[in-house]
Amino acid sequence: MILAVCFPAGGRVVSRSRSSLPSVTLSADERVWLTRVVRTGAHPAQEVRRSRILLELDENHRRPAPRREIAQRVGVSVETITNVVKAYAGHGGDVGATIRRKRRLTPPVEPKVTGEVEARVIALACSSPPAGQVRWSLRLLEKHVALVADIPDLDHSTIGKVLKKRRCVLI
């Protein structure tokens, strides 16, 4: 059974059958860019690996070697080669999107320190220190932040980072 995959960007990715993976066809500009990614030492290792895989699989340059041979040359598993080709097909032949890591829409953990929390901590640090204290210390601020109901408990080092970020100095 023949299966063809077409993309509006020129239909550069074509699948021959259900058992084989889509082919990788790079333009001359994409080859130059990927070669630069591989040769300069300024890119993350994952991007370099994926770039090497795409360069090895390029059918415009020469007939690609078997996937096992490419995997051995690049130093990855055959499954990694398969995943890169599927990502290339999934991104419609976009080389940049294929080699780069996908950015998360939301962080894995919501930040404790929001703008409102920063403002409340800075206001507390700028207020007069409690009775018996000459000035605020980070540990004293930590204790008072814990007493305030609508501010989450913050470590003294976090409070220090908030104050440093806003260039507030405890005198």
Protein backbone atom coordinates (compact mmCIF):
# COMPACT_ATOMS: atom_id res chain seq x y z
CA MET A 1 0.00 0.00 0.00
CA ILE A 2 1.40 3.39 -1.01
CA LEU A 3 1.04 6.38 1.28
CA ALA A 4 1.95 9.92 0.25
CA VAL A 5 2.41 12.75 2.70
CA CYS A 6 2.03 16.25 1.24
CA PHE A 7 2.81 19.55 2.90
CA PRO A 8 1.85 23.03 1.73
CA ALA A 9 5.50 24.15 1.95
CA GLY A 10 6.33 22.33 -1.27
CA GLY A 11 5.75 18.69 -0.37
CA ARG A 12 9.39 18.02 0.42
CA VAL A 13 8.69 15.07 2.72
CA VAL A 14 7.36 11.97 0.96
CA SER A 15 6.69 8.60 2.50
CA ARG A 16 7.12 5.59 0.25
CA SER A 17 5.14 3.02 2.24
CA ARG A 18 3.79 2.43 5.71
CA SER A 19 6.89 0.49 6.78
CA SER A 20 9.47 3.01 5.58
CA LEU A 21 10.04 6.43 7.06
CA PRO A 22 9.66 9.71 5.20
CA SER A 23 12.71 10.82 3.25
CA VAL A 24 14.73 13.91 4.15
CA THR A 25 15.40 16.37 1.36
CA LEU A 26 17.45 19.45 2.27
CA SER A 27 18.04 22.57 0.22
CA ALA A 28 21.57 23.89 -0.30
CA ASP A 29 20.97 26.68 2.24
CA GLU A 30 19.73 24.21 4.83
CA ARG A 31 22.79 22.00 4.27
CA VAL A 32 25.10 24.99 4.75
CA TRP A 33 23.25 26.03 7.91
CA LEU A 34 23.28 22.51 9.38
CA THR A 35 26.97 22.12 8.54
CA ARG A 36 27.67 25.36 10.38
CA VAL A 37 25.70 24.08 13.38
CA VAL A 38 27.77 20.89 13.40
CA ARG A 39 31.17 22.54 12.90
CA THR A 40 30.93 25.51 15.25
CA GLY A 41 31.03 24.68 18.92
CA ALA A 42 28.32 27.14 19.86
CA HIS A 43 25.25 24.87 19.81
CA PRO A 44 23.82 22.38 22.31
CA ALA A 45 24.91 18.78 21.79
CA GLN A 46 21.36 17.66 21.05
CA GLU A 47 21.08 20.17 18.18
CA VAL A 48 24.45 19.08 16.81
CA ARG A 49 23.40 15.41 16.93
CA ARG A 50 20.10 16.07 15.17
CA SER A 51 21.87 18.20 12.57
CA ARG A 52 24.35 15.40 11.86
CA ILE A 53 21.47 12.95 11.48
CA LEU A 54 19.64 15.21 9.01
CA LEU A 55 22.83 15.77 7.01
CA GLU A 56 23.43 12.02 6.84
CA LEU A 57 19.84 11.36 5.72
CA ASP A 58 19.76 14.06 3.03
CA GLU A 59 18.73 12.48 -0.27
CA ASN A 60 19.64 15.55 -2.36
CA HIS A 61 23.31 15.27 -1.43
CA ARG A 62 23.76 11.53 -1.97
CA ARG A 63 21.94 8.29 -1.39
CA PRO A 64 21.76 7.91 2.39
CA ALA A 65 23.41 4.96 4.08
CA PRO A 66 21.29 2.44 5.97
CA ARG A 67 19.90 3.77 9.23
CA ARG A 68 21.99 1.40 11.35
CA GLU A 69 25.18 2.65 9.74
CA ILE A 70 24.13 6.28 10.25
CA ALA A 71 23.25 5.55 13.88
CA GLN A 72 26.68 4.02 14.42
CA ARG A 73 28.44 6.97 12.75
CA VAL A 74 26.53 9.57 14.73
CA GLY A 75 26.67 7.59 17.98
CA VAL A 76 22.94 7.21 18.59
CA SER A 77 20.39 4.41 18.43
CA VAL A 78 18.37 3.58 15.33
CA GLU A 79 15.29 4.68 17.25
CA THR A 80 16.78 8.17 17.61
CA ILE A 81 17.22 8.32 13.83
CA THR A 82 13.58 7.30 13.44
CA ASN A 83 12.43 9.95 15.93
CA VAL A 84 14.38 12.71 14.15
CA VAL A 85 12.90 11.74 10.78
CA LYS A 86 9.39 11.66 12.27
CA ALA A 87 9.97 15.08 13.85
CA TYR A 88 11.19 16.40 10.48
CA ALA A 89 8.03 15.09 8.81
CA GLY A 90 5.87 16.35 11.66
CA HIS A 91 7.26 19.88 11.31
CA GLY A 92 6.59 19.86 7.58
CA GLY A 93 10.26 19.76 6.64
CA ASP A 94 11.24 22.70 8.86
CA VAL A 95 14.87 22.02 9.76
CA GLY A 96 15.09 24.63 12.52
CA ALA A 97 12.04 23.27 14.34
CA THR A 98 13.34 19.73 13.96
CA ILE A 99 16.71 20.26 15.63
CA ARG A 100 15.63 22.70 18.36
CA ARG A 101 14.06 21.73 21.64
CA LYS A 102 10.37 22.46 21.99
CA ARG A 103 9.70 25.25 24.49
CA ARG A 104 7.26 24.63 27.28
CA LEU A 105 4.16 26.78 27.37
CA THR A 106 4.01 26.67 31.15
CA PRO A 107 6.82 26.09 33.63
CA PRO A 108 6.83 22.72 35.42
CA VAL A 109 6.27 24.46 38.76
CA GLU A 110 4.46 27.75 39.21
CA PRO A 111 6.82 30.43 40.55
CA LYS A 112 6.32 31.35 44.20
CA VAL A 113 7.58 34.87 43.68
CA THR A 114 5.24 36.93 41.54
CA GLY A 115 5.28 40.67 41.02
CA GLU A 116 2.83 41.15 43.87
CA VAL A 117 4.94 39.04 46.25
CA GLU A 118 8.07 41.00 45.23
CA ALA A 119 6.29 44.26 45.95
CA ARG A 120 5.12 43.05 49.36
CA VAL A 121 8.61 41.79 50.34
CA ILE A 122 10.24 45.05 49.22
CA ALA A 123 7.63 47.07 51.11
CA LEU A 124 8.34 45.01 54.23
CA ALA A 125 12.10 45.48 53.80
CA CYS A 126 11.65 49.24 53.39
CA SER A 127 9.50 49.55 56.49
CA SER A 128 10.99 50.19 59.90
CA PRO A 129 12.40 47.09 61.62
CA PRO A 130 10.56 45.54 64.58
CA ALA A 131 11.15 46.79 68.10
CA GLY A 132 14.50 45.73 69.49
CA GLN A 133 16.11 45.48 66.05
CA VAL A 134 18.34 48.12 64.51
CA ARG A 135 17.81 46.96 60.92
CA TRP A 136 16.30 44.18 58.85
CA SER A 137 18.34 41.06 58.17
CA LEU A 138 17.39 38.44 55.60
CA ARG A 139 16.60 35.90 58.33
CA LEU A 140 14.45 38.44 60.19
CA LEU A 141 12.59 39.23 56.95
CA GLU A 142 12.12 35.48 56.45
CA LYS A 143 10.46 35.17 59.86
CA HIS A 144 8.16 38.13 59.22
CA VAL A 145 7.22 36.92 55.74
CA ALA A 146 6.17 33.62 57.31
CA LEU A 147 3.84 35.54 59.64
CA VAL A 148 2.08 37.40 56.82
CA ALA A 149 -0.88 35.32 55.63
CA ASP A 150 -1.04 36.26 51.94
CA ILE A 151 2.69 35.92 51.16
CA PRO A 152 4.01 32.39 50.58
CA ASP A 153 6.81 31.19 52.85
CA LEU A 154 10.09 32.24 51.28
CA ASP A 155 13.62 31.23 52.20
CA HIS A 156 16.05 33.96 53.23
CA SER A 157 18.11 33.33 50.08
CA THR A 158 15.01 33.85 47.91
CA ILE A 159 14.27 37.09 49.74
CA GLY A 160 17.87 38.15 49.13
CA LYS A 161 17.50 37.43 45.40
CA VAL A 162 14.30 39.47 45.22
CA LEU A 163 15.97 42.42 46.94
CA LYS A 164 19.12 42.12 44.83
CA LYS A 165 17.05 41.95 41.63
CA ARG A 166 15.39 45.24 42.54
CA ARG A 167 18.63 46.73 43.86
CA CYS A 168 17.33 47.10 47.40
CA VAL A 169 19.99 47.19 50.09
CA LEU A 170 19.35 46.35 53.71
CA ILE A 171 21.09 49.06 55.74
